[in-house]
Amino acid sequence: MALLQELRQLIALISVEQHPEISTFEEGEDTSTWIRAQKFVFFIGVMQTGEYYGLRQEAAQELINFAGLLRSANVKYVRGTDFSVFVRKVFEELVAIKRRIESRPAQNADLTVISDNIAAWFSANSIRRLHLIPCSIIPDMANSVEVGPVIFQHIASFDFVAFGVNPAMPDIFVSRFLETMGQRAATWVASIEIIDVEPVRSSETAGIIVDVALATLQLATPQELIDKSARITGRSLPPFVVALTRQNGEVSPTFSNYESGKLLRGEAFNNLTSSARPFFESAGRRINTLLLSSTECPQLELAWCNAAYWFHEALAEPLATVAIAKLETSIENLFGAGNPLESTNRILQALEGVFGLKPNDIISAGSSVKVKDFVKDVVTSRSRILHGTWSTLTEDLPLGRTEVEKLARQLLISFTLKLDEYVLTPSPPDKTKNFLDWITAERAAGSKASPLDHATSPTQKSP
């Protein structure tokens, strides 16, 4: 009954305005200026009658609330629709009902019509889509790499006909696609299939999943070699930059090459990705959470994906202060910390559980910094930067981004490998605290370290 009442209120709030004759417009006016003058936030024009149905600012929130209720009632809509697209569709249905019922109040049957029409719209638009996304990884030709649902492939070996391009048709799509890649020195493509999602959400989801898969490649590759790797529709820098500077009365150029992986040859890349295959399989299981909802520990799985995304964002960030804030955000997402103290405690517990490092241990060989002080500096730096007590643009931070990146890298790799073991235990609770307690108990019981522990531990300690 409450939903019906909201429907009636919304329909009453929809204004109907008659579009004036074009001949009555003054110079410089057109339909766009007339619509702005109506102060419509949402509107639909009916060509046959010249009528415009619209909601003004004061009524927009009512529509958003109503659409939110309809969307939250179906998990497929929550996962498979962009909210703004869904709101627009609901508004279209409201206008259709207002036109049909004229002056009578809306009935429950009208709610059913809305529900049925939205279901039909979603079914028609949530078809299977295979997205092809250009990426900059390394310039060289190398073997394809599979990370969960994402396949990375060098463009020279990609079969556009197998992808579905009709060879009999004019080559306008592929040529423009390759032209765009060439402008950004991108030589790889990522393919990812999305199902049960409408077009806008499908493209957004595909991009996010590719970003997390790229983070997986970056985590498995030695620092700085492919830090600039990105999809060209995301956080990618221009591959080549020419800057001009005048000094002492003379102008001089500076040439910079930001091309990802320019120092990594194809054979070396093949060796790295081949040896990292167990890690790719582990990360792939996490990434599948973004496509599927039937996982053993969805909250922990999604935490890893969120953390990997922030890690990828941090590597693309030129400013060290912002990069460190993003890296610490990555770590916070990994452990679900709600405040700086909880974040500190969970990082300390993770370092002890995974690497056997206690708070008073030295963070790495040759260093004089204790674990507890290092972690405190990491958490403090993010908090101060984001809350404005330290300057984003001028502050000298107590830590370098390399040290914080190394910590985030180690924790992300270890988290997913340990999670593979944790989900095999009987009825594992889907909570970070339980997961960290399990890791700590496993080390205390003398269990073997994960395969990458020795390669990633800051002190190379044995368990």
Protein backbone atom coordinates (compact mmCIF):
# COMPACT_ATOMS: atom_id res chain seq x y z
CA MET A 1 0.00 0.00 0.00
CA ALA A 2 2.89 2.35 0.78
CA LEU A 3 4.35 1.79 -2.70
CA LEU A 4 0.98 2.53 -4.30
CA GLN A 5 0.70 5.76 -2.32
CA GLU A 6 4.16 6.83 -3.51
CA LEU A 7 3.16 6.01 -7.09
CA ARG A 8 0.10 8.22 -6.81
CA GLN A 9 2.12 11.08 -5.36
CA LEU A 10 4.71 10.83 -8.10
CA ILE A 11 2.17 10.82 -10.89
CA ALA A 12 0.58 13.93 -9.37
CA LEU A 13 4.00 15.63 -9.32
CA ILE A 14 4.61 15.08 -13.04
CA SER A 15 3.99 18.37 -14.84
CA VAL A 16 2.65 18.56 -18.39
CA GLU A 17 3.76 21.53 -20.51
CA GLN A 18 2.87 22.27 -24.12
CA HIS A 19 5.85 23.00 -26.33
CA PRO A 20 5.36 26.43 -27.96
CA GLU A 21 5.39 26.94 -31.70
CA ILE A 22 8.91 27.31 -33.06
CA SER A 23 7.90 30.59 -34.67
CA THR A 24 7.29 32.12 -31.25
CA PHE A 25 10.90 31.64 -30.11
CA GLU A 26 13.04 34.75 -29.91
CA GLU A 27 16.48 34.86 -31.48
CA GLY A 28 18.87 32.48 -29.69
CA GLU A 29 16.06 30.40 -28.21
CA ASP A 30 15.28 26.82 -29.08
CA THR A 31 13.76 23.70 -27.53
CA SER A 32 16.77 23.26 -25.21
CA THR A 33 16.44 26.74 -23.74
CA TRP A 34 12.69 26.23 -23.32
CA ILE A 35 13.25 22.93 -21.46
CA ARG A 36 15.82 24.58 -19.17
CA ALA A 37 13.30 27.31 -18.44
CA GLN A 38 10.83 24.66 -17.26
CA LYS A 39 13.46 23.53 -14.71
CA PHE A 40 12.81 19.88 -15.51
CA VAL A 41 15.27 17.40 -14.01
CA PHE A 42 13.58 14.48 -15.80
CA PHE A 43 11.47 14.96 -18.89
CA ILE A 44 9.99 13.15 -21.89
CA GLY A 45 8.60 14.81 -24.99
CA VAL A 46 5.75 13.38 -27.03
CA MET A 47 6.31 14.26 -30.68
CA GLN A 48 2.73 13.71 -31.79
CA THR A 49 1.20 16.17 -29.30
CA GLY A 50 4.12 18.47 -28.50
CA GLU A 51 3.56 17.81 -24.81
CA TYR A 52 6.46 17.51 -22.38
CA TYR A 53 6.10 15.50 -19.19
CA GLY A 54 8.61 16.45 -16.53
CA LEU A 55 9.64 16.36 -12.90
CA ARG A 56 11.20 19.44 -11.36
CA GLN A 57 13.97 19.50 -8.78
CA GLU A 58 11.68 19.38 -5.74
CA ALA A 59 10.11 16.14 -7.02
CA ALA A 60 13.27 14.43 -8.28
CA GLN A 61 14.11 12.84 -4.95
CA GLU A 62 10.66 11.25 -4.81
CA LEU A 63 11.39 9.52 -8.12
CA ILE A 64 14.83 8.40 -6.95
CA ASN A 65 13.38 6.93 -3.75
CA PHE A 66 10.62 5.12 -5.64
CA ALA A 67 13.04 3.69 -8.21
CA GLY A 68 15.37 2.65 -5.41
CA LEU A 69 12.62 0.59 -3.80
CA LEU A 70 11.77 -1.15 -7.06
CA ARG A 71 15.42 -1.86 -7.85
CA SER A 72 16.37 -3.14 -4.40
CA ALA A 73 13.50 -5.64 -4.52
CA ASN A 74 15.26 -7.62 -7.27
CA VAL A 75 18.89 -8.67 -6.84
CA LYS A 76 19.26 -8.96 -10.63
CA TYR A 77 18.44 -5.27 -11.02
CA VAL A 78 20.88 -4.27 -8.29
CA ARG A 79 23.69 -6.20 -9.95
CA GLY A 80 22.71 -5.68 -13.55
CA THR A 81 21.56 -2.07 -13.94
CA ASP A 82 23.15 1.32 -13.67
CA PHE A 83 21.04 3.23 -11.16
CA SER A 84 20.65 6.34 -13.31
CA VAL A 85 19.53 4.18 -16.25
CA PHE A 86 17.05 2.38 -14.01
CA VAL A 87 15.64 5.65 -12.67
CA ARG A 88 15.18 6.88 -16.23
CA LYS A 89 13.30 3.70 -17.16
CA VAL A 90 11.02 4.03 -14.13
CA PHE A 91 10.26 7.62 -15.12
CA GLU A 92 9.31 6.49 -18.62
CA GLU A 93 6.86 4.00 -17.08
CA LEU A 94 5.38 6.68 -14.82
CA VAL A 95 4.78 8.98 -17.78
CA ALA A 96 3.14 6.12 -19.70
CA ILE A 97 0.78 5.48 -16.78
CA LYS A 98 -0.04 9.18 -16.35
CA ARG A 99 -0.96 9.40 -20.03
CA ARG A 100 -3.08 6.25 -19.81
CA ILE A 101 -5.03 6.82 -16.61
CA GLU A 102 -5.54 10.57 -17.18
CA SER A 103 -7.39 11.78 -14.07
CA ARG A 104 -8.16 8.56 -12.19
CA PRO A 105 -5.93 7.48 -9.26
CA ALA A 106 -3.29 4.84 -9.92
CA GLN A 107 -4.22 1.31 -8.86
CA ASN A 108 -2.28 -1.79 -7.84
CA ALA A 109 -2.72 -3.00 -11.41
CA ASP A 110 -0.62 -0.04 -12.52
CA LEU A 111 2.18 -1.15 -10.20
CA THR A 112 2.00 -4.57 -11.81
CA VAL A 113 2.27 -2.99 -15.25
CA ILE A 114 5.39 -1.08 -14.17
CA SER A 115 6.93 -4.23 -12.72
CA ASP A 116 6.16 -6.30 -15.82
CA ASN A 117 7.45 -3.66 -18.23
CA ILE A 118 10.69 -3.21 -16.31
CA ALA A 119 11.18 -6.99 -16.23
CA ALA A 120 10.64 -7.16 -20.00
CA TRP A 121 13.02 -4.24 -20.58
CA PHE A 122 15.71 -5.84 -18.42
CA SER A 123 15.31 -9.20 -20.12
CA ALA A 124 15.63 -7.64 -23.58
CA ASN A 125 18.71 -5.59 -22.64
CA SER A 126 20.63 -7.97 -20.37
CA ILE A 127 21.95 -10.14 -23.18
CA ARG A 128 25.37 -11.79 -23.30
CA ARG A 129 28.11 -9.32 -24.37
CA LEU A 130 31.77 -9.92 -25.11
CA HIS A 131 33.73 -6.72 -24.52
CA LEU A 132 37.06 -6.04 -26.21
CA ILE A 133 39.08 -3.44 -24.31
CA PRO A 134 42.39 -1.98 -25.55
CA CYS A 135 45.20 -2.07 -23.00
CA SER A 136 48.78 -0.92 -22.70
CA ILE A 137 50.87 -3.67 -21.04
CA ILE A 138 54.12 -4.27 -22.94
CA PRO A 139 54.98 -3.32 -26.54
CA ASP A 140 56.31 -6.78 -27.43
CA MET A 141 54.42 -9.77 -28.73
CA ALA A 142 53.93 -12.37 -25.98
CA ASN A 143 51.71 -15.27 -25.00
CA SER A 144 48.12 -14.57 -24.01
CA VAL A 145 47.41 -14.44 -20.28
CA GLU A 146 44.23 -15.58 -18.54
CA VAL A 147 43.22 -14.02 -15.23
CA GLY A 148 39.86 -15.43 -14.18
CA PRO A 149 37.25 -14.27 -16.71
CA VAL A 150 39.71 -11.91 -18.47
CA ILE A 151 41.94 -12.93 -21.36
CA PHE A 152 44.80 -10.58 -22.31
CA GLN A 153 46.06 -11.04 -25.87
CA HIS A 154 48.51 -9.17 -28.09
CA ILE A 155 46.65 -7.43 -30.89
CA ALA A 156 48.89 -9.03 -33.54
CA SER A 157 47.50 -12.46 -32.67
CA PHE A 158 43.89 -11.43 -32.16
CA ASP A 159 41.35 -12.89 -34.60
CA PHE A 160 38.67 -10.28 -35.32
CA VAL A 161 36.71 -12.70 -37.48
CA ALA A 162 36.50 -15.20 -34.62
CA PHE A 163 35.40 -12.28 -32.44
CA GLY A 164 32.47 -11.75 -34.79
CA VAL A 165 33.56 -9.11 -37.29
CA ASN A 166 32.10 -9.91 -40.70
CA PRO A 167 35.02 -9.98 -43.18
CA ALA A 168 32.65 -9.08 -46.01
CA MET A 169 31.72 -5.78 -44.38
CA PRO A 170 33.74 -2.56 -44.88
CA ASP A 171 36.65 -2.40 -42.44
CA ILE A 172 35.48 0.73 -40.60
CA PHE A 173 35.09 -0.74 -37.11
CA VAL A 174 38.41 -2.57 -36.86
CA SER A 175 40.40 0.21 -38.54
CA ARG A 176 39.07 2.84 -36.14
CA PHE A 177 39.61 0.50 -33.21
CA LEU A 178 43.25 -0.07 -34.23
CA GLU A 179 43.72 3.63 -34.92
CA THR A 180 42.63 4.48 -31.38
CA MET A 181 45.01 1.85 -29.99
CA GLY A 182 47.88 3.25 -32.04
CA GLN A 183 47.31 6.75 -30.70
CA ARG A 184 47.91 5.45 -27.17
CA ALA A 185 50.66 2.92 -28.05
CA ALA A 186 48.36 0.13 -26.86
CA THR A 187 49.23 -3.29 -28.27
CA TRP A 188 47.09 -5.60 -26.12
CA VAL A 189 43.38 -6.26 -25.79
CA ALA A 190 41.41 -7.68 -22.88
CA SER A 191 38.31 -9.71 -23.63
CA ILE A 192 35.66 -10.20 -20.95
CA GLU A 193 32.15 -11.64 -21.26
CA ILE A 194 29.35 -10.06 -19.23
CA ILE A 195 25.89 -11.61 -18.88
CA ASP A 196 22.59 -10.51 -17.30
CA VAL A 197 23.57 -6.82 -17.31
CA GLU A 198 22.11 -3.87 -19.27
CA PRO A 199 24.46 -2.05 -21.71
CA VAL A 200 25.67 0.87 -19.55
CA ARG A 201 26.32 -1.33 -16.52
CA SER A 202 27.88 -3.98 -18.79
CA SER A 203 30.52 -1.57 -20.11
CA GLU A 204 31.22 -0.24 -16.61
CA THR A 205 31.53 -3.75 -15.14
CA ALA A 206 33.81 -4.88 -17.96
CA GLY A 207 36.15 -1.94 -17.36
CA ILE A 208 36.29 -2.53 -13.61
CA ILE A 209 37.02 -6.23 -14.02
CA VAL A 210 39.80 -5.50 -16.51
CA ASP A 211 41.31 -2.99 -14.07
CA VAL A 212 41.40 -5.62 -11.32
CA ALA A 213 42.91 -8.14 -13.74
CA LEU A 214 45.56 -5.58 -14.72
CA ALA A 215 46.31 -5.10 -11.03
CA THR A 216 46.85 -8.86 -10.84
CA LEU A 217 49.44 -8.63 -13.64
CA GLN A 218 51.11 -5.72 -11.84
CA LEU A 219 51.21 -7.63 -8.55
CA ALA A 220 52.95 -10.57 -10.22
CA THR A 221 55.51 -8.44 -12.05
CA PRO A 222 58.61 -6.87 -10.45
CA GLN A 223 58.08 -3.32 -9.33
CA GLU A 224 57.98 -0.55 -11.96
CA LEU A 225 58.14 -2.81 -15.04
CA ILE A 226 54.43 -2.50 -15.88
CA ASP A 227 53.32 0.05 -13.28
CA LYS A 228 51.91 2.17 -16.11
CA SER A 229 49.82 -0.65 -17.60
CA ALA A 230 46.19 0.36 -18.05
CA ARG A 231 43.17 0.10 -20.29
CA ILE A 232 43.25 3.13 -22.54
CA THR A 233 39.69 3.98 -21.48
CA GLY A 234 40.86 4.19 -17.84
CA ARG A 235 43.74 5.79 -15.95
CA SER A 236 46.32 5.77 -18.74
CA LEU A 237 48.98 8.39 -19.37
CA PRO A 238 49.93 9.55 -22.88
CA PRO A 239 52.71 7.21 -24.02
CA PHE A 240 54.97 10.04 -25.14
CA VAL A 241 55.15 13.58 -23.80
CA VAL A 242 57.16 16.53 -25.12
CA ALA A 243 57.56 19.46 -22.73
CA LEU A 244 59.03 22.88 -23.53
CA THR A 245 60.95 24.88 -20.95
CA ARG A 246 62.52 28.32 -21.24
CA GLN A 247 65.55 29.00 -19.09
CA ASN A 248 68.30 31.60 -19.40
CA GLY A 249 66.55 32.93 -22.46
CA GLU A 250 66.63 29.63 -24.32
CA VAL A 251 63.87 27.15 -25.04
CA SER A 252 64.70 23.47 -24.60
CA PRO A 253 62.53 20.37 -25.08
CA THR A 254 62.18 17.39 -22.76
CA PHE A 255 61.09 14.04 -24.18
CA SER A 256 59.43 11.54 -21.83
CA ASN A 257 58.39 7.98 -22.60
CA TYR A 258 55.60 6.69 -20.35
CA GLU A 259 54.94 3.59 -22.42
CA SER A 260 54.07 0.65 -20.19
CA GLY A 261 56.50 -2.27 -20.08
CA LYS A 262 59.01 -0.75 -22.49
CA LEU A 263 61.87 -2.49 -20.65
CA LEU A 264 60.17 -5.87 -20.48
CA ARG A 265 60.77 -8.13 -23.46
CA GLY A 266 58.20 -10.65 -24.61
CA GLU A 267 60.19 -13.72 -23.55
CA ALA A 268 60.76 -12.33 -20.06
CA PHE A 269 57.05 -11.50 -19.80
CA ASN A 270 56.21 -15.07 -20.80
CA ASN A 271 58.50 -16.43 -18.08
CA LEU A 272 56.97 -14.14 -15.44
CA THR A 273 53.37 -14.92 -16.34
CA SER A 274 54.06 -18.64 -16.62
CA SER A 275 55.60 -18.83 -13.14
CA ALA A 276 52.76 -16.71 -11.72
CA ARG A 277 50.00 -18.94 -13.09
CA PRO A 278 48.98 -20.29 -9.63
CA PHE A 279 48.62 -16.70 -8.42
CA PHE A 280 46.58 -15.76 -11.52
CA GLU A 281 44.26 -18.70 -10.86
CA SER A 282 43.85 -17.62 -7.24
CA ALA A 283 43.20 -13.97 -8.16
CA GLY A 284 40.84 -15.16 -10.91
CA ARG A 285 38.69 -16.86 -8.30
CA ARG A 286 38.44 -13.55 -6.47
CA ILE A 287 37.61 -11.63 -9.68
CA ASN A 288 34.82 -14.06 -10.53
CA THR A 289 32.99 -12.63 -7.52
CA LEU A 290 32.37 -9.51 -9.63
CA LEU A 291 30.48 -11.69 -12.11
CA LEU A 292 28.91 -14.31 -9.85
CA SER A 293 27.20 -14.20 -6.47
CA SER A 294 27.55 -17.87 -5.50
CA THR A 295 30.96 -17.84 -3.79
CA GLU A 296 31.96 -19.33 -0.46
CA CYS A 297 33.03 -16.05 1.16
CA PRO A 298 31.73 -13.21 -1.04
CA GLN A 299 32.66 -10.40 1.36
CA LEU A 300 36.28 -11.52 1.63
CA GLU A 301 36.42 -12.18 -2.11
CA LEU A 302 35.06 -8.73 -2.90
CA ALA A 303 37.41 -7.12 -0.36
CA TRP A 304 40.35 -8.43 -2.36
CA CYS A 305 38.90 -7.09 -5.62
CA ASN A 306 38.34 -3.64 -4.09
CA ALA A 307 41.86 -3.63 -2.67
CA ALA A 308 43.39 -4.69 -6.01
CA TYR A 309 41.47 -1.93 -7.80
CA TRP A 310 42.86 0.71 -5.43
CA PHE A 311 46.36 -0.75 -5.87
CA HIS A 312 46.01 -0.34 -9.64
CA GLU A 313 44.76 3.22 -9.15
CA ALA A 314 47.73 4.03 -6.89
CA LEU A 315 50.28 2.86 -9.45
CA ALA A 316 48.74 5.22 -12.02
CA GLU A 317 48.98 8.19 -9.65
CA PRO A 318 51.92 10.59 -10.26
CA LEU A 319 51.71 12.38 -6.89
CA ALA A 320 53.35 10.38 -4.08
CA THR A 321 51.01 11.78 -1.42
CA VAL A 322 47.91 10.71 -3.32
CA ALA A 323 49.48 7.38 -4.29
CA ILE A 324 50.24 6.57 -0.66
CA ALA A 325 46.69 7.49 0.36
CA LYS A 326 45.36 5.14 -2.33
CA LEU A 327 47.73 2.36 -1.31
CA GLU A 328 46.60 2.60 2.30
CA THR A 329 43.00 2.66 1.06
CA SER A 330 43.83 -0.56 -0.75
CA ILE A 331 45.03 -2.11 2.51
CA GLU A 332 42.00 -0.83 4.43
CA ASN A 333 39.67 -2.36 1.84
CA LEU A 334 41.55 -5.63 2.16
CA PHE A 335 40.97 -5.85 5.90
CA GLY A 336 37.66 -4.02 6.22
CA ALA A 337 38.94 -1.62 8.85
CA GLY A 338 36.45 0.93 10.10
CA ASN A 339 38.90 3.41 11.65
CA PRO A 340 42.68 4.10 11.88
CA LEU A 341 43.13 2.12 15.11
CA GLU A 342 41.35 -0.93 13.72
CA SER A 343 43.29 -0.59 10.47
CA THR A 344 46.58 -0.53 12.39
CA ASN A 345 45.65 -3.57 14.47
CA ARG A 346 44.55 -5.61 11.46
CA ILE A 347 47.67 -4.81 9.44
CA LEU A 348 49.82 -5.79 12.41
CA GLN A 349 47.89 -9.03 12.81
CA ALA A 350 48.24 -9.77 9.09
CA LEU A 351 52.00 -9.17 9.14
CA GLU A 352 52.39 -11.47 12.12
CA GLY A 353 50.06 -14.15 10.75
CA VAL A 354 51.47 -14.18 7.21
CA PHE A 355 55.13 -13.33 7.74
CA GLY A 356 55.70 -13.99 11.43
CA LEU A 357 56.59 -10.34 12.05
CA LYS A 358 55.79 -9.04 15.53
CA PRO A 359 55.24 -5.33 16.27
CA ASN A 360 58.75 -4.83 17.68
CA ASP A 361 60.51 -6.70 14.85
CA ILE A 362 62.45 -4.80 12.21
CA ILE A 363 60.34 -4.33 9.08
CA SER A 364 63.05 -5.51 6.66
CA ALA A 365 66.66 -6.54 6.51
CA GLY A 366 69.02 -3.58 6.81
CA SER A 367 66.32 -1.31 8.23
CA SER A 368 66.11 0.16 11.72
CA VAL A 369 62.35 0.77 11.57
CA LYS A 370 60.11 -1.40 13.72
CA VAL A 371 57.00 -2.99 12.26
CA LYS A 372 54.66 -1.08 14.57
CA ASP A 373 56.22 2.28 13.64
CA PHE A 374 56.11 1.51 9.93
CA VAL A 375 52.44 0.57 10.07
CA LYS A 376 51.63 3.63 12.17
CA ASP A 377 53.26 5.87 9.56
CA VAL A 378 51.30 4.19 6.74
CA VAL A 379 47.94 4.68 8.44
CA THR A 380 48.76 8.20 9.66
CA SER A 381 49.87 9.40 6.23
CA ARG A 382 46.56 8.47 4.62
CA SER A 383 44.50 9.95 7.44
CA ARG A 384 46.39 13.25 7.46
CA ILE A 385 46.31 13.64 3.67
CA LEU A 386 42.60 12.87 3.30
CA HIS A 387 41.56 15.03 6.25
CA GLY A 388 43.64 18.00 5.12
CA THR A 389 45.96 18.23 8.12
CA TRP A 390 48.88 17.48 5.76
CA SER A 391 49.18 19.13 2.37
CA THR A 392 48.54 16.90 -0.62
CA LEU A 393 50.74 19.10 -2.81
CA THR A 394 53.71 20.06 -0.63
CA GLU A 395 54.01 17.58 2.24
CA ASP A 396 57.13 15.46 2.77
CA LEU A 397 55.73 12.18 4.08
CA PRO A 398 57.53 9.98 6.62
CA LEU A 399 57.39 7.07 4.14
CA GLY A 400 58.22 6.72 0.48
CA ARG A 401 55.62 5.32 -1.90
CA THR A 402 57.93 2.41 -2.73
CA GLU A 403 57.82 1.11 0.84
CA VAL A 404 54.04 1.41 1.10
CA GLU A 405 53.55 -0.14 -2.34
CA LYS A 406 55.71 -3.08 -1.29
CA LEU A 407 53.57 -3.65 1.81
CA ALA A 408 50.32 -3.47 -0.17
CA ARG A 409 51.75 -5.82 -2.81
CA GLN A 410 52.83 -8.39 -0.22
CA LEU A 411 49.50 -8.32 1.59
CA LEU A 412 47.42 -8.58 -1.59
CA ILE A 413 49.38 -11.58 -2.86
CA SER A 414 49.30 -13.35 0.49
CA PHE A 415 45.62 -12.56 1.14
CA THR A 416 44.33 -14.33 -1.96
CA LEU A 417 46.59 -17.37 -1.55
CA LYS A 418 45.61 -17.76 2.11
CA LEU A 419 41.95 -17.27 1.22
CA ASP A 420 42.17 -20.27 -1.12
CA GLU A 421 43.02 -22.39 1.92
CA TYR A 422 40.55 -20.70 4.26
CA VAL A 423 37.50 -21.33 2.03
CA LEU A 424 38.27 -25.06 2.15
CA THR A 425 37.82 -25.18 5.92
CA PRO A 426 34.42 -26.29 7.31
CA SER A 427 31.86 -23.44 7.19
CA PRO A 428 34.37 -20.54 7.19
CA PRO A 429 32.85 -17.29 8.52
CA ASP A 430 32.85 -14.58 5.84
CA LYS A 431 34.48 -12.00 8.12
CA THR A 432 37.92 -10.40 8.07
CA LYS A 433 38.53 -10.89 11.81
CA ASN A 434 37.81 -14.62 11.56
CA PHE A 435 40.05 -14.90 8.51
CA LEU A 436 42.94 -13.11 10.25
CA ASP A 437 42.46 -15.20 13.37
CA TRP A 438 42.63 -18.33 11.21
CA ILE A 439 45.86 -17.15 9.56
CA THR A 440 47.40 -16.45 12.97
CA ALA A 441 46.32 -19.84 14.32
CA GLU A 442 47.71 -21.63 11.26
CA ARG A 443 51.12 -20.04 11.72
CA ALA A 444 51.08 -20.80 15.42
CA ALA A 445 50.31 -24.42 14.59
CA GLY A 446 53.38 -24.51 12.35
CA SER A 447 51.63 -24.81 8.99
CA LYS A 448 53.60 -24.32 5.81
CA ALA A 449 53.85 -20.92 4.23
CA SER A 450 52.08 -20.12 0.98
CA PRO A 451 54.19 -20.56 -2.17
CA LEU A 452 54.95 -16.85 -2.51
CA ASP A 453 55.57 -16.11 1.17
CA HIS A 454 59.34 -16.26 0.89
CA ALA A 455 59.33 -14.12 -2.23
CA THR A 456 57.17 -11.43 -0.66
CA SER A 457 58.08 -11.36 3.01
CA PRO A 458 59.86 -8.11 3.87
CA THR A 459 62.41 -9.92 6.01
CA GLN A 460 62.54 -13.20 4.07
CA LYS A 461 61.71 -14.96 7.36
CA SER A 462 60.86 -18.61 7.42
CA PRO A 463 57.61 -19.50 9.15
